C-alpha cells in the first residue's frame, strides 16, 4: 500500500469488548481500501485489545496497514489528537468504538471524487434509547449548535494537526473544532448521504448540564453569546432543570423525555436501518 493513503480511519476505545467488533467489521467490509486503520486504546483491562489484534491479519490480507497503541491517556479528545499525530492519510475519519459506517460502500462513494474543501460531511443515524433517528448534517447552524457529527465527517489531516481538539472541553470539543474551522474561513462540503450510525449513549448524552455549559462557553469564546446576558442565564437554568429530571427519574421516563425533546427540536424523523445496503441490522452484526 502507498505510504500516504487517502484516508486514516481512527478508532478510540476503552473497555469496549462488547462494541468494538461492530466498529471493526464496518471498516473491514468497506469496498474502498486506500486507507490505514489506527486504534488508540486507553489501556483497557478487558478483551478489547485481544479482539483488535485478532483482526489485524484480515486487514493485512487486504493490504491495509493497522496501527494499534494501548496506553493510559487523558481522555477521548486527547486520544483523538494523539492518533492524529500517528496518521499518514490525507483525510481523517474518527469512528469510535460502538459506532459504524452506514454501509460497505460508504467510503467508495465519498472518495469517488476529489475535494478542495477542508471538511467533508454527511448525514448520520443517531440511535438513542434503541431508536434510530435521522440527523441531517448542516453547517449553517454552527454559530448556534452543532449539527455535524464527527463520525460522519472527513477532515484534512494537515488542518486537524494544526487546529486539533481543545482538550479543556470534555464533552463538546468536537463542536469547538468545527466552529473554529468555520470561523477560520475553512470550507465545508455537504454530502447528501448517510455516513455513519452513532450510538448516542456516551457522556454527552447523559450529562445535559455540562453539555450545555460547554457549548455556551465555546460560543462565548467566539463572542457569539454574552455570558452575562439573560439568554445565557436562561439556557443554564433550563439545562440544570433537565439534568435534575434525568438524574431523578427512571430510565424509561428519561428516554421518553428525550423523545419529547427531539420532537420540540424538530429532530424526530426516524431512520430505517433495515434499508441499508449492508449486513448491519438495528445496530448489530
C-alpha atoms as a PDB file:
ATOM      1  CA  UNK A   1       0.000   0.000   0.000  1.00  0.00           C
ATOM      2  CA  UNK A   2       1.140   3.586  -0.696  1.00  0.00           C
ATOM      3  CA  UNK A   3       2.876   5.127   2.314  1.00  0.00           C
ATOM      4  CA  UNK A   4       0.428   8.025   2.090  1.00  0.00           C
ATOM      5  CA  UNK A   5      -3.083   6.559   1.930  1.00  0.00           C
ATOM      6  CA  UNK A   6      -6.069   8.677   1.027  1.00  0.00           C
ATOM      7  CA  UNK A   7      -7.660   8.098   4.425  1.00  0.00           C
ATOM      8  CA  UNK A   8      -6.736   7.342   8.016  1.00  0.00           C
ATOM      9  CA  UNK A   9      -9.597   5.722   9.937  1.00  0.00           C
ATOM     10  CA  UNK A  10      -9.181   6.282  13.686  1.00  0.00           C
ATOM     11  CA  UNK A  11     -10.934   4.330  16.427  1.00  0.00           C
ATOM     12  CA  UNK A  12     -10.502   5.487  20.021  1.00  0.00           C
ATOM     13  CA  UNK A  13     -11.640   2.915  22.557  1.00  0.00           C
ATOM     14  CA  UNK A  14     -11.588   1.892  26.206  1.00  0.00           C
ATOM     15  CA  UNK A  15     -13.102  -1.210  27.808  1.00  0.00           C
ATOM     16  CA  UNK A  16     -15.018  -1.767  24.573  1.00  0.00           C
ATOM     17  CA  UNK A  17     -15.055  -5.553  24.179  1.00  0.00           C
ATOM     18  CA  UNK A  18     -18.836  -5.541  23.678  1.00  0.00           C
ATOM     19  CA  UNK A  19     -18.850  -2.863  20.966  1.00  0.00           C
ATOM     20  CA  UNK A  20     -15.506  -2.995  19.178  1.00  0.00           C
ATOM     21  CA  UNK A  21     -16.310  -5.840  16.772  1.00  0.00           C
ATOM     22  CA  UNK A  22     -19.217  -3.921  15.268  1.00  0.00           C
ATOM     23  CA  UNK A  23     -16.955  -0.964  14.514  1.00  0.00           C
ATOM     24  CA  UNK A  24     -14.085  -3.054  13.157  1.00  0.00           C
ATOM     25  CA  UNK A  25     -16.354  -5.133  10.907  1.00  0.00           C
ATOM     26  CA  UNK A  26     -17.861  -1.989   9.379  1.00  0.00           C
ATOM     27  CA  UNK A  27     -14.373  -0.780   8.443  1.00  0.00           C
ATOM     28  CA  UNK A  28     -13.068  -4.162   7.293  1.00  0.00           C
ATOM     29  CA  UNK A  29     -16.017  -4.675   4.964  1.00  0.00           C
ATOM     30  CA  UNK A  30     -15.629  -1.381   3.117  1.00  0.00           C
ATOM     31  CA  UNK A  31     -15.218  -1.799  -0.645  1.00  0.00           C
ATOM     32  CA  UNK A  32     -12.758   1.120  -0.543  1.00  0.00           C
ATOM     33  CA  UNK A  33      -9.300   0.011   0.619  1.00  0.00           C
ATOM     34  CA  UNK A  34      -6.983   3.015   0.245  1.00  0.00           C
ATOM     35  CA  UNK A  35      -6.844   3.652   3.972  1.00  0.00           C
ATOM     36  CA  UNK A  36      -4.904   2.808   7.100  1.00  0.00           C
ATOM     37  CA  UNK A  37      -6.559   1.898  10.390  1.00  0.00           C
ATOM     38  CA  UNK A  38      -5.367   3.362  13.699  1.00  0.00           C
ATOM     39  CA  UNK A  39      -6.545   2.140  17.099  1.00  0.00           C
ATOM     40  CA  UNK A  40      -5.852   4.253  20.179  1.00  0.00           C
ATOM     41  CA  UNK A  41      -6.903   2.266  23.231  1.00  0.00           C
ATOM     42  CA  UNK A  42      -6.841   3.849  26.679  1.00  0.00           C
ATOM     43  CA  UNK A  43      -5.312   0.842  28.429  1.00  0.00           C
ATOM     44  CA  UNK A  44      -8.311  -1.485  28.508  1.00  0.00           C
ATOM     45  CA  UNK A  45      -8.257  -4.356  31.000  1.00  0.00           C
ATOM     46  CA  UNK A  46     -10.975  -6.359  29.225  1.00  0.00           C
ATOM     47  CA  UNK A  47     -10.662  -8.199  25.867  1.00  0.00           C
ATOM     48  CA  UNK A  48     -10.685  -5.043  23.697  1.00  0.00           C
ATOM     49  CA  UNK A  49      -7.035  -5.269  22.671  1.00  0.00           C
ATOM     50  CA  UNK A  50      -7.195  -9.024  22.145  1.00  0.00           C
ATOM     51  CA  UNK A  51     -10.114  -8.531  19.753  1.00  0.00           C
ATOM     52  CA  UNK A  52      -8.289  -5.778  17.851  1.00  0.00           C
ATOM     53  CA  UNK A  53      -5.209  -7.978  17.437  1.00  0.00           C
ATOM     54  CA  UNK A  54      -7.341 -10.857  16.151  1.00  0.00           C
ATOM     55  CA  UNK A  55      -8.473  -8.711  13.216  1.00  0.00           C
ATOM     56  CA  UNK A  56      -5.043  -7.479  12.127  1.00  0.00           C
ATOM     57  CA  UNK A  57      -4.308 -10.415   9.761  1.00  0.00           C
ATOM     58  CA  UNK A  58      -7.599  -9.837   7.934  1.00  0.00           C
ATOM     59  CA  UNK A  59      -6.707  -6.205   7.274  1.00  0.00           C
ATOM     60  CA  UNK A  60      -3.167  -7.137   6.267  1.00  0.00           C
ATOM     61  CA  UNK A  61      -4.558  -9.633   3.738  1.00  0.00           C
ATOM     62  CA  UNK A  62      -6.254  -6.655   2.051  1.00  0.00           C
ATOM     63  CA  UNK A  63      -3.040  -4.626   2.115  1.00  0.00           C
ATOM     64  CA  UNK A  64      -4.276  -2.293   4.864  1.00  0.00           C
ATOM     65  CA  UNK A  65      -1.818  -1.130   7.499  1.00  0.00           C
ATOM     66  CA  UNK A  66      -3.055  -1.322  11.110  1.00  0.00           C
ATOM     67  CA  UNK A  67      -1.510   0.668  13.956  1.00  0.00           C
ATOM     68  CA  UNK A  68      -2.564  -0.408  17.430  1.00  0.00           C
ATOM     69  CA  UNK A  69      -1.479   1.501  20.535  1.00  0.00           C
ATOM     70  CA  UNK A  70      -2.764   0.766  24.035  1.00  0.00           C
ATOM     71  CA  UNK A  71      -1.739   3.045  26.894  1.00  0.00           C
ATOM     72  CA  UNK A  72      -3.429   5.112  29.542  1.00  0.00           C
ATOM     73  CA  UNK A  73      -4.393   8.527  28.227  1.00  0.00           C
ATOM     74  CA  UNK A  74      -6.056  11.752  29.298  1.00  0.00           C
ATOM     75  CA  UNK A  75      -9.492  11.246  27.783  1.00  0.00           C
ATOM     76  CA  UNK A  76     -11.314  10.912  24.475  1.00  0.00           C
ATOM     77  CA  UNK A  77     -10.224  14.100  22.740  1.00  0.00           C
ATOM     78  CA  UNK A  78      -6.631  13.815  23.938  1.00  0.00           C
ATOM     79  CA  UNK A  79      -6.559  10.308  22.449  1.00  0.00           C
ATOM     80  CA  UNK A  80      -8.025  11.575  19.169  1.00  0.00           C
ATOM     81  CA  UNK A  81      -5.301  14.220  18.964  1.00  0.00           C
ATOM     82  CA  UNK A  82      -2.671  11.582  19.735  1.00  0.00           C
ATOM     83  CA  UNK A  83      -3.998   9.317  16.976  1.00  0.00           C
ATOM     84  CA  UNK A  84      -3.962  12.255  14.555  1.00  0.00           C
ATOM     85  CA  UNK A  85      -0.220  12.583  15.085  1.00  0.00           C
ATOM     86  CA  UNK A  86       0.203   8.939  14.057  1.00  0.00           C
ATOM     87  CA  UNK A  87      -1.869   9.325  10.896  1.00  0.00           C
ATOM     88  CA  UNK A  88      -0.451   9.457   7.376  1.00  0.00           C
ATOM     89  CA  UNK A  89      -3.635   9.857   5.320  1.00  0.00           C
ATOM     90  CA  UNK A  90      -4.732  12.993   3.512  1.00  0.00           C
ATOM     91  CA  UNK A  91      -8.095  12.715   5.279  1.00  0.00           C
ATOM     92  CA  UNK A  92      -9.107  11.584   8.763  1.00  0.00           C
ATOM     93  CA  UNK A  93     -12.236   9.711   9.818  1.00  0.00           C
ATOM     94  CA  UNK A  94     -12.970   9.276  13.541  1.00  0.00           C
ATOM     95  CA  UNK A  95     -15.125   6.213  14.127  1.00  0.00           C
ATOM     96  CA  UNK A  96     -15.063   5.420  17.819  1.00  0.00           C
ATOM     97  CA  UNK A  97     -15.912   2.118  19.472  1.00  0.00           C
ATOM     98  CA  UNK A  98     -19.555   1.146  19.010  1.00  0.00           C
ATOM     99  CA  UNK A  99     -20.174   3.435  16.036  1.00  0.00           C
ATOM    100  CA  UNK A 100     -20.042   2.166  12.473  1.00  0.00           C
ATOM    101  CA  UNK A 101     -20.254   3.151   8.818  1.00  0.00           C
ATOM    102  CA  UNK A 102     -23.751   3.068   7.403  1.00  0.00           C
ATOM    103  CA  UNK A 103     -22.863   0.517   4.749  1.00  0.00           C
ATOM    104  CA  UNK A 104     -19.931  -1.165   2.981  1.00  0.00           C
ATOM    105  CA  UNK A 105     -19.916   1.322   0.082  1.00  0.00           C
ATOM    106  CA  UNK A 106     -19.736   4.496   2.170  1.00  0.00           C
ATOM    107  CA  UNK A 107     -16.032   5.199   1.652  1.00  0.00           C
ATOM    108  CA  UNK A 108     -16.170   4.272  -2.038  1.00  0.00           C
ATOM    109  CA  UNK A 109     -18.995   6.766  -2.516  1.00  0.00           C
ATOM    110  CA  UNK A 110     -17.257   9.517  -0.537  1.00  0.00           C
ATOM    111  CA  UNK A 111     -13.910   9.190  -2.279  1.00  0.00           C
ATOM    112  CA  UNK A 112     -15.247   8.755  -5.793  1.00  0.00           C
ATOM    113  CA  UNK A 113     -14.178  12.374  -6.337  1.00  0.00           C
ATOM    114  CA  UNK A 114     -11.623  14.864  -5.044  1.00  0.00           C
ATOM    115  CA  UNK A 115     -12.385  17.794  -2.763  1.00  0.00           C
ATOM    116  CA  UNK A 116     -10.871  21.240  -2.364  1.00  0.00           C
ATOM    117  CA  UNK A 117     -12.634  21.734   0.978  1.00  0.00           C
ATOM    118  CA  UNK A 118     -11.233  21.173   4.482  1.00  0.00           C
ATOM    119  CA  UNK A 119     -14.195  19.202   5.892  1.00  0.00           C
ATOM    120  CA  UNK A 120     -16.497  16.840   4.007  1.00  0.00           C
ATOM    121  CA  UNK A 121     -19.556  15.717   5.950  1.00  0.00           C
ATOM    122  CA  UNK A 122     -22.856  13.905   5.524  1.00  0.00           C
ATOM    123  CA  UNK A 123     -25.880  12.699   7.447  1.00  0.00           C
ATOM    124  CA  UNK A 124     -25.985  10.443  10.486  1.00  0.00           C
ATOM    125  CA  UNK A 125     -28.248   7.837  12.020  1.00  0.00           C
ATOM    126  CA  UNK A 126     -28.362   8.577  15.746  1.00  0.00           C
ATOM    127  CA  UNK A 127     -29.513   5.626  17.837  1.00  0.00           C
ATOM    128  CA  UNK A 128     -30.963   6.929  21.101  1.00  0.00           C
ATOM    129  CA  UNK A 129     -32.777   4.695  23.584  1.00  0.00           C
ATOM    130  CA  UNK A 130     -32.651   1.970  20.935  1.00  0.00           C
ATOM    131  CA  UNK A 131     -34.467   4.068  18.313  1.00  0.00           C
ATOM    132  CA  UNK A 132     -32.661   5.185  15.119  1.00  0.00           C
ATOM    133  CA  UNK A 133     -33.189   8.841  14.164  1.00  0.00           C
ATOM    134  CA  UNK A 134     -32.149  10.833  11.109  1.00  0.00           C
ATOM    135  CA  UNK A 135     -29.686  13.660  11.797  1.00  0.00           C
ATOM    136  CA  UNK A 136     -29.261  16.000   8.848  1.00  0.00           C
ATOM    137  CA  UNK A 137     -25.743  17.386   8.703  1.00  0.00           C
ATOM    138  CA  UNK A 138     -25.943  21.170   8.385  1.00  0.00           C
ATOM    139  CA  UNK A 139     -23.061  23.623   8.819  1.00  0.00           C
ATOM    140  CA  UNK A 140     -25.378  26.644   8.599  1.00  0.00           C
ATOM    141  CA  UNK A 141     -26.368  26.204  12.268  1.00  0.00           C
ATOM    142  CA  UNK A 142     -22.795  26.110  13.578  1.00  0.00           C
ATOM    143  CA  UNK A 143     -22.985  29.516  15.290  1.00  0.00           C
ATOM    144  CA  UNK A 144     -25.882  28.232  17.413  1.00  0.00           C
ATOM    145  CA  UNK A 145     -25.235  24.500  17.766  1.00  0.00           C
ATOM    146  CA  UNK A 146     -23.560  21.589  16.071  1.00  0.00           C
ATOM    147  CA  UNK A 147     -25.489  19.541  13.554  1.00  0.00           C
ATOM    148  CA  UNK A 148     -22.326  17.870  12.289  1.00  0.00           C
ATOM    149  CA  UNK A 149     -21.326  14.546  13.756  1.00  0.00           C
ATOM    150  CA  UNK A 150     -17.591  13.854  13.765  1.00  0.00           C
ATOM    151  CA  UNK A 151     -18.324  10.193  12.959  1.00  0.00           C
ATOM    152  CA  UNK A 152     -19.891  11.410   9.700  1.00  0.00           C
ATOM    153  CA  UNK A 153     -17.097  13.836   8.810  1.00  0.00           C
ATOM    154  CA  UNK A 154     -13.840  13.620   6.907  1.00  0.00           C
ATOM    155  CA  UNK A 155     -11.243  16.190   7.924  1.00  0.00           C
ATOM    156  CA  UNK A 156      -7.989  17.098   6.237  1.00  0.00           C
ATOM    157  CA  UNK A 157      -5.140  15.805   8.350  1.00  0.00           C
ATOM    158  CA  UNK A 158      -2.992  18.927   7.910  1.00  0.00           C
ATOM    159  CA  UNK A 159      -5.744  21.139   9.372  1.00  0.00           C
ATOM    160  CA  UNK A 160      -6.560  18.716  12.198  1.00  0.00           C
ATOM    161  CA  UNK A 161      -2.868  18.557  13.072  1.00  0.00           C
ATOM    162  CA  UNK A 162      -2.746  22.345  13.228  1.00  0.00           C
ATOM    163  CA  UNK A 163      -6.061  23.018  14.971  1.00  0.00           C
ATOM    164  CA  UNK A 164      -6.738  19.829  16.944  1.00  0.00           C
ATOM    165  CA  UNK A 165      -9.348  19.233  19.609  1.00  0.00           C
ATOM    166  CA  UNK A 166      -9.277  21.533  22.631  1.00  0.00           C
ATOM    167  CA  UNK A 167      -8.871  19.054  25.472  1.00  0.00           C
ATOM    168  CA  UNK A 168     -10.117  21.599  28.025  1.00  0.00           C
ATOM    169  CA  UNK A 169     -13.573  20.522  26.839  1.00  0.00           C
ATOM    170  CA  UNK A 170     -14.609  17.058  27.968  1.00  0.00           C
ATOM    171  CA  UNK A 171     -17.922  16.834  26.081  1.00  0.00           C
ATOM    172  CA  UNK A 172     -18.128  19.416  23.292  1.00  0.00           C
ATOM    173  CA  UNK A 173     -14.587  19.645  21.899  1.00  0.00           C
ATOM    174  CA  UNK A 174     -15.874  18.433  18.532  1.00  0.00           C
ATOM    175  CA  UNK A 175     -18.296  21.388  18.418  1.00  0.00           C
ATOM    176  CA  UNK A 176     -15.417  23.730  19.289  1.00  0.00           C
ATOM    177  CA  UNK A 177     -13.318  22.226  16.487  1.00  0.00           C
ATOM    178  CA  UNK A 178     -15.991  22.617  13.809  1.00  0.00           C
ATOM    179  CA  UNK A 179     -16.821  26.146  14.977  1.00  0.00           C
ATOM    180  CA  UNK A 180     -13.109  27.036  14.977  1.00  0.00           C
ATOM    181  CA  UNK A 181     -12.808  25.622  11.471  1.00  0.00           C
ATOM    182  CA  UNK A 182     -15.806  27.631  10.278  1.00  0.00           C
ATOM    183  CA  UNK A 183     -14.645  30.866  11.929  1.00  0.00           C
ATOM    184  CA  UNK A 184     -11.196  30.402  10.334  1.00  0.00           C
ATOM    185  CA  UNK A 185     -12.874  30.578   6.929  1.00  0.00           C
ATOM    186  CA  UNK A 186     -12.286  26.949   6.014  1.00  0.00           C
ATOM    187  CA  UNK A 187     -14.686  25.413   3.500  1.00  0.00           C
ATOM    188  CA  UNK A 188     -17.152  22.580   4.178  1.00  0.00           C
ATOM    189  CA  UNK A 189     -18.671  20.243   1.601  1.00  0.00           C
ATOM    190  CA  UNK A 190     -22.023  18.567   2.297  1.00  0.00           C
ATOM    191  CA  UNK A 191     -22.739  15.055   1.010  1.00  0.00           C
ATOM    192  CA  UNK A 192     -26.372  14.003   0.702  1.00  0.00           C
ATOM    193  CA  UNK A 193     -25.875  10.518   2.115  1.00  0.00           C
ATOM    194  CA  UNK A 194     -25.657   8.682   5.414  1.00  0.00           C
ATOM    195  CA  UNK A 195     -22.080   8.222   6.563  1.00  0.00           C
ATOM    196  CA  UNK A 196     -22.301   6.607   9.983  1.00  0.00           C
ATOM    197  CA  UNK A 197     -24.503   5.185  12.710  1.00  0.00           C
ATOM    198  CA  UNK A 198     -23.818   6.860  16.049  1.00  0.00           C
ATOM    199  CA  UNK A 199     -24.880   5.086  19.242  1.00  0.00           C
ATOM    200  CA  UNK A 200     -25.841   8.004  21.450  1.00  0.00           C
ATOM    201  CA  UNK A 201     -25.178   6.731  24.952  1.00  0.00           C
ATOM    202  CA  UNK A 202     -21.957   8.485  25.971  1.00  0.00           C
ATOM    203  CA  UNK A 203     -21.206  11.293  28.423  1.00  0.00           C
ATOM    204  CA  UNK A 204     -22.647  13.991  26.163  1.00  0.00           C
ATOM    205  CA  UNK A 205     -25.956  12.121  26.016  1.00  0.00           C
ATOM    206  CA  UNK A 206     -26.443  11.814  29.769  1.00  0.00           C
ATOM    207  CA  UNK A 207     -24.862  14.971  31.201  1.00  0.00           C
ATOM    208  CA  UNK A 208     -27.162  17.662  29.878  1.00  0.00           C
ATOM    209  CA  UNK A 209     -25.966  20.425  32.196  1.00  0.00           C
ATOM    210  CA  UNK A 210     -22.285  20.083  31.346  1.00  0.00           C
ATOM    211  CA  UNK A 211     -23.038  19.664  27.634  1.00  0.00           C
ATOM    212  CA  UNK A 212     -24.936  22.947  27.519  1.00  0.00           C
ATOM    213  CA  UNK A 213     -22.371  24.675  29.728  1.00  0.00           C
ATOM    214  CA  UNK A 214     -19.508  23.684  27.452  1.00  0.00           C
ATOM    215  CA  UNK A 215     -21.433  24.537  24.292  1.00  0.00           C
ATOM    216  CA  UNK A 216     -22.363  28.011  25.514  1.00  0.00           C
ATOM    217  CA  UNK A 217     -18.873  28.666  26.880  1.00  0.00           C
ATOM    218  CA  UNK A 218     -17.480  27.742  23.467  1.00  0.00           C
ATOM    219  CA  UNK A 219     -19.911  30.162  21.814  1.00  0.00           C
ATOM    220  CA  UNK A 220     -18.872  32.830  24.314  1.00  0.00           C
ATOM    221  CA  UNK A 221     -15.189  32.256  23.489  1.00  0.00           C
ATOM    222  CA  UNK A 222     -16.002  33.200  19.878  1.00  0.00           C
ATOM    223  CA  UNK A 223     -18.154  36.144  21.061  1.00  0.00           C
ATOM    224  CA  UNK A 224     -21.346  34.572  19.764  1.00  0.00           C
ATOM    225  CA  UNK A 225     -23.079  34.934  23.127  1.00  0.00           C
ATOM    226  CA  UNK A 226     -22.516  37.127  26.179  1.00  0.00           C
ATOM    227  CA  UNK A 227     -22.071  35.004  29.342  1.00  0.00           C
ATOM    228  CA  UNK A 228     -23.581  37.888  31.343  1.00  0.00           C
ATOM    229  CA  UNK A 229     -26.711  38.001  29.192  1.00  0.00           C
ATOM    230  CA  UNK A 230     -30.244  36.931  30.089  1.00  0.00           C
ATOM    231  CA  UNK A 231     -30.152  34.431  27.200  1.00  0.00           C
ATOM    232  CA  UNK A 232     -27.117  32.684  28.707  1.00  0.00           C
ATOM    233  CA  UNK A 233     -28.669  32.628  32.195  1.00  0.00           C
ATOM    234  CA  UNK A 234     -31.918  31.080  30.923  1.00  0.00           C
ATOM    235  CA  UNK A 235     -30.067  28.379  28.995  1.00  0.00           C
ATOM    236  CA  UNK A 236     -28.128  27.411  32.115  1.00  0.00           C
ATOM    237  CA  UNK A 237     -31.284  27.293  34.214  1.00  0.00           C
ATOM    238  CA  UNK A 238     -33.061  25.100  31.675  1.00  0.00           C
ATOM    239  CA  UNK A 239     -30.057  22.767  31.447  1.00  0.00           C
ATOM    240  CA  UNK A 240     -29.968  22.393  35.235  1.00  0.00           C
ATOM    241  CA  UNK A 241     -33.684  21.586  35.277  1.00  0.00           C
ATOM    242  CA  UNK A 242     -33.296  18.963  32.543  1.00  0.00           C
ATOM    243  CA  UNK A 243     -30.337  17.436  34.354  1.00  0.00           C
ATOM    244  CA  UNK A 244     -32.294  17.205  37.602  1.00  0.00           C
ATOM    245  CA  UNK A 245     -35.110  15.421  35.777  1.00  0.00           C
ATOM    246  CA  UNK A 246     -32.693  12.989  34.100  1.00  0.00           C
ATOM    247  CA  UNK A 247     -30.935  12.292  37.416  1.00  0.00           C
ATOM    248  CA  UNK A 248     -34.080  11.626  39.446  1.00  0.00           C
ATOM    249  CA  UNK A 249     -36.402   9.758  37.097  1.00  0.00           C
ATOM    250  CA  UNK A 250     -36.407   6.095  35.977  1.00  0.00           C
ATOM    251  CA  UNK A 251     -34.556   5.389  32.739  1.00  0.00           C
ATOM    252  CA  UNK A 252     -37.754   4.649  30.825  1.00  0.00           C
ATOM    253  CA  UNK A 253     -39.186   8.050  31.678  1.00  0.00           C
ATOM    254  CA  UNK A 254     -35.856   9.744  30.889  1.00  0.00           C
ATOM    255  CA  UNK A 255     -35.915   8.099  27.460  1.00  0.00           C
ATOM    256  CA  UNK A 256     -39.455   9.406  26.985  1.00  0.00           C
ATOM    257  CA  UNK A 257     -38.298  12.936  27.858  1.00  0.00           C
ATOM    258  CA  UNK A 258     -35.503  12.689  25.288  1.00  0.00           C
ATOM    259  CA  UNK A 259     -38.064  11.754  22.649  1.00  0.00           C
ATOM    260  CA  UNK A 260     -40.131  14.815  23.594  1.00  0.00           C
ATOM    261  CA  UNK A 261     -37.002  16.974  23.364  1.00  0.00           C
ATOM    262  CA  UNK A 262     -36.350  15.665  19.842  1.00  0.00           C
ATOM    263  CA  UNK A 263     -39.906  16.495  18.798  1.00  0.00           C
ATOM    264  CA  UNK A 264     -39.572  20.033  20.149  1.00  0.00           C
ATOM    265  CA  UNK A 265     -36.311  20.473  18.222  1.00  0.00           C
ATOM    266  CA  UNK A 266     -37.836  19.120  15.023  1.00  0.00           C
ATOM    267  CA  UNK A 267     -35.347  16.225  15.068  1.00  0.00           C
ATOM    268  CA  UNK A 268     -37.767  13.330  15.455  1.00  0.00           C
ATOM    269  CA  UNK A 269     -37.569  11.875  11.936  1.00  0.00           C
ATOM    270  CA  UNK A 270     -36.816   8.186  12.343  1.00  0.00           C
ATOM    271  CA  UNK A 271     -34.301   6.367  10.157  1.00  0.00           C
ATOM    272  CA  UNK A 272     -34.824   2.846   8.855  1.00  0.00           C
ATOM    273  CA  UNK A 273     -31.714   0.761   9.417  1.00  0.00           C
ATOM    274  CA  UNK A 274     -33.323  -2.157   7.616  1.00  0.00           C
ATOM    275  CA  UNK A 275     -32.914  -0.265   4.328  1.00  0.00           C
ATOM    276  CA  UNK A 276     -29.126  -0.258   4.478  1.00  0.00           C
ATOM    277  CA  UNK A 277     -27.266  -1.823   1.580  1.00  0.00           C
ATOM    278  CA  UNK A 278     -25.273  -3.807   4.112  1.00  0.00           C
ATOM    279  CA  UNK A 279     -25.269  -6.658   6.586  1.00  0.00           C
ATOM    280  CA  UNK A 280     -25.981  -4.382   9.568  1.00  0.00           C
ATOM    281  CA  UNK A 281     -29.378  -4.564  11.236  1.00  0.00           C
ATOM    282  CA  UNK A 282     -30.515  -2.452  14.159  1.00  0.00           C
ATOM    283  CA  UNK A 283     -27.016  -1.628  15.380  1.00  0.00           C
ATOM    284  CA  UNK A 284     -25.516  -5.129  15.374  1.00  0.00           C
ATOM    285  CA  UNK A 285     -23.627  -7.512  13.178  1.00  0.00           C
END
